[in-house]
Amino acid sequence: MRRVLAALLVTAATLGSAAAADGDGTVKKFDPAKMTIVLDDGKTYKLPPEMDVSDLQEGKEVIFSYEAKNGVNQITDMLIQ
């Protein structure tokens, strides 16, 4: 299942924008007020306001696509494991 999802994320990112990228990691910090996550590698990502984050919490593994815009890593799609 992970391989299929990863392939779909790569395909979606490729079709969407040249600046798109993929990532994964473990959530170290989640700020629902700011809609941001910090991963175990120290990088911060912004979540879109319409994203369902009801299952998101510290310690969860995530796989995602994102775009770097104006110095912000904006998540475009995410799977919470």
Protein backbone atom coordinates (compact mmCIF):
# COMPACT_ATOMS: atom_id res chain seq x y z
CA MET A 1 0.00 0.00 0.00
CA ARG A 2 2.83 2.40 0.83
CA ARG A 3 4.41 1.84 -2.58
CA VAL A 4 1.15 2.53 -4.40
CA LEU A 5 0.55 5.70 -2.41
CA ALA A 6 4.12 6.86 -2.91
CA ALA A 7 3.77 6.29 -6.66
CA LEU A 8 0.52 8.26 -6.71
CA LEU A 9 2.09 11.13 -4.77
CA VAL A 10 5.03 11.24 -7.17
CA THR A 11 2.69 11.24 -10.17
CA ALA A 12 0.51 14.00 -8.73
CA ALA A 13 3.54 16.10 -7.86
CA THR A 14 5.01 15.67 -11.32
CA LEU A 15 1.80 16.74 -13.02
CA GLY A 16 1.18 19.69 -10.70
CA SER A 17 4.32 21.76 -10.66
CA ALA A 18 8.05 21.65 -11.27
CA ALA A 19 8.61 23.00 -7.72
CA ALA A 20 6.67 20.13 -6.13
CA ALA A 21 8.46 17.62 -3.93
CA ASP A 22 7.67 14.63 -1.72
CA GLY A 23 8.57 13.91 1.85
CA ASP A 24 8.00 11.60 4.76
CA GLY A 25 8.83 11.40 8.42
CA THR A 26 7.55 11.28 11.96
CA VAL A 27 5.63 14.24 13.39
CA LYS A 28 7.63 15.75 16.23
CA LYS A 29 5.30 18.72 16.84
CA PHE A 30 1.81 19.60 15.58
CA ASP A 31 0.31 23.07 16.02
CA PRO A 32 -3.39 22.94 15.05
CA ALA A 33 -3.83 26.70 15.57
CA LYS A 34 -1.11 27.52 13.04
CA MET A 35 -1.77 24.37 10.95
CA THR A 36 1.92 23.44 10.96
CA ILE A 37 3.89 20.29 11.63
CA VAL A 38 7.55 19.86 12.50
CA LEU A 39 9.07 16.53 11.53
CA ASP A 40 11.78 14.57 13.29
CA ASP A 41 14.34 16.09 10.87
CA GLY A 42 13.47 19.59 12.15
CA LYS A 43 11.75 20.80 8.96
CA THR A 44 8.45 22.69 9.27
CA TYR A 45 5.51 22.30 6.88
CA LYS A 46 2.24 24.24 6.59
CA LEU A 47 -1.02 22.34 6.20
CA PRO A 48 -3.91 23.64 4.08
CA PRO A 49 -6.88 24.83 6.17
CA GLU A 50 -9.27 22.37 4.51
CA MET A 51 -7.15 19.31 5.38
CA ASP A 52 -8.67 16.83 7.85
CA VAL A 53 -6.16 16.64 10.68
CA SER A 54 -8.34 14.76 13.16
CA ASP A 55 -5.90 11.78 13.14
CA LEU A 56 -2.74 13.87 13.17
CA GLN A 57 -0.69 13.84 16.34
CA GLU A 58 2.90 13.75 17.53
CA GLY A 59 4.59 10.43 16.84
CA LYS A 60 2.53 9.65 13.72
CA GLU A 61 4.32 8.84 10.48
CA VAL A 62 3.32 10.88 7.43
CA ILE A 63 3.94 10.73 3.68
CA PHE A 64 3.22 13.91 1.76
CA SER A 65 3.65 16.11 -1.28
CA TYR A 66 4.50 19.77 -0.88
CA GLU A 67 5.45 22.90 -2.76
CA ALA A 68 7.94 25.50 -1.62
CA LYS A 69 6.24 28.90 -1.96
CA ASN A 70 7.65 32.17 -0.62
CA GLY A 71 9.86 30.34 1.85
CA VAL A 72 7.01 28.15 3.15
CA ASN A 73 6.78 24.39 2.60
CA GLN A 74 3.06 24.08 1.79
CA ILE A 75 1.70 20.53 1.98
CA THR A 76 -0.60 19.69 -0.92
CA ASP A 77 -1.44 16.06 -0.09
CA MET A 78 -0.72 13.88 2.94
CA LEU A 79 -1.24 10.35 4.22
CA ILE A 80 -1.23 9.87 8.00
CA GLN A 81 -0.15 6.38 9.06
